């Protein structure tokens, strides 16, 4: 007769996860460049889109908030593509 013991997975609190991510951000050099690139690209594309969208009347149909948030899509793509590379520090084996 054999018995198997069920072991509950360890519970991690949100504060512990945030602390782990903050430690990784501080110690891995590539993270600072990635964050800087995301912020710069997001702001630059948002400013460019907002400056090119001109509305002559109040009923032209352009939503200024939606136009100004255009840079967020490109900024997210900049963060997602390098994070999915197999040689990225967070996905590297070991």
Protein backbone atom coordinates (compact mmCIF):
# COMPACT_ATOMS: atom_id res chain seq x y z
CA UNK A 1 0.00 0.00 0.00
CA UNK A 2 1.42 3.38 -0.95
CA UNK A 3 0.44 6.82 0.14
CA UNK A 4 0.90 10.01 -1.81
CA UNK A 5 1.06 13.34 -0.08
CA UNK A 6 -0.42 16.38 -1.64
CA UNK A 7 1.73 19.43 -1.26
CA UNK A 8 0.14 22.80 -1.71
CA UNK A 9 2.00 25.16 -4.03
CA UNK A 10 3.73 28.04 -2.26
CA UNK A 11 1.67 31.20 -1.92
CA UNK A 12 3.28 34.40 -3.05
CA UNK A 13 1.82 37.68 -1.97
CA UNK A 14 1.58 40.56 -4.46
CA UNK A 15 4.18 42.48 -2.46
CA UNK A 16 6.66 39.65 -2.88
CA UNK A 17 6.07 39.57 -6.63
CA UNK A 18 6.55 43.33 -6.91
CA UNK A 19 9.74 43.10 -4.86
CA UNK A 20 11.07 40.35 -7.14
CA UNK A 21 10.27 42.35 -10.28
CA UNK A 22 11.86 45.49 -8.81
CA UNK A 23 15.01 43.53 -7.93
CA UNK A 24 15.17 42.11 -11.45
CA UNK A 25 14.68 45.58 -12.96
CA UNK A 26 17.53 47.00 -10.87
CA UNK A 27 19.97 44.16 -11.53
CA UNK A 28 19.41 43.38 -15.23
CA UNK A 29 20.90 46.13 -17.40
CA UNK A 30 18.61 45.67 -20.42
CA UNK A 31 15.45 46.55 -18.50
CA UNK A 32 16.33 50.22 -18.04
CA UNK A 33 16.93 50.69 -21.77
CA UNK A 34 13.71 48.93 -22.62
CA UNK A 35 11.68 51.08 -20.22
CA UNK A 36 13.33 54.25 -21.51
CA UNK A 37 12.61 53.23 -25.10
CA UNK A 38 8.96 52.48 -24.33
CA UNK A 39 8.41 55.84 -22.64
CA UNK A 40 10.23 57.87 -25.31
CA UNK A 41 8.52 56.13 -28.22
CA UNK A 42 5.08 56.35 -26.59
CA UNK A 43 5.40 60.07 -25.92
CA UNK A 44 6.94 60.84 -29.33
CA UNK A 45 4.26 59.03 -31.33
CA UNK A 46 1.49 60.49 -29.18
CA UNK A 47 2.80 64.03 -29.66
CA UNK A 48 3.27 63.50 -33.40
CA UNK A 49 -0.25 62.12 -33.82
CA UNK A 50 -1.80 64.89 -31.75
CA UNK A 51 0.05 67.60 -33.67
CA UNK A 52 -1.01 66.28 -37.08
CA UNK A 53 -4.70 65.87 -36.21
CA UNK A 54 -6.33 69.22 -36.91
CA UNK A 55 -9.99 69.88 -36.36
CA UNK A 56 -11.53 73.04 -37.81
CA UNK A 57 -14.93 72.66 -36.20
CA UNK A 58 -16.35 71.12 -33.06
CA UNK A 59 -18.21 68.46 -35.06
CA UNK A 60 -15.33 67.11 -37.16
CA UNK A 61 -15.38 63.70 -35.45
CA UNK A 62 -11.79 63.56 -34.16
CA UNK A 63 -11.47 62.43 -30.57
CA UNK A 64 -8.41 64.20 -29.11
CA UNK A 65 -7.96 61.66 -26.31
CA UNK A 66 -7.99 58.73 -28.71
CA UNK A 67 -5.52 60.45 -31.03
CA UNK A 68 -3.15 61.30 -28.18
CA UNK A 69 -3.13 57.66 -27.00
CA UNK A 70 -1.97 56.39 -30.41
CA UNK A 71 1.61 56.08 -29.17
CA UNK A 72 0.64 53.51 -26.56
CA UNK A 73 0.16 50.79 -29.19
CA UNK A 74 3.64 51.26 -30.61
CA UNK A 75 5.16 51.53 -27.14
CA UNK A 76 3.57 48.23 -26.12
CA UNK A 77 4.88 46.57 -29.28
CA UNK A 78 8.37 47.81 -28.44
CA UNK A 79 8.09 46.16 -25.03
CA UNK A 80 6.50 42.91 -26.24
CA UNK A 81 8.83 42.06 -29.12
CA UNK A 82 12.17 42.07 -27.23
CA UNK A 83 10.57 40.35 -24.25
CA UNK A 84 9.62 37.41 -26.47
CA UNK A 85 13.14 36.88 -27.85
CA UNK A 86 14.62 33.60 -26.66
CA UNK A 87 17.85 35.27 -25.55
CA UNK A 88 16.04 37.87 -23.42
CA UNK A 89 17.27 37.81 -19.79
CA UNK A 90 13.86 36.88 -18.38
CA UNK A 91 13.39 33.92 -20.77
CA UNK A 92 16.96 32.65 -20.87
CA UNK A 93 17.39 29.12 -19.53
CA UNK A 94 19.27 28.65 -16.32
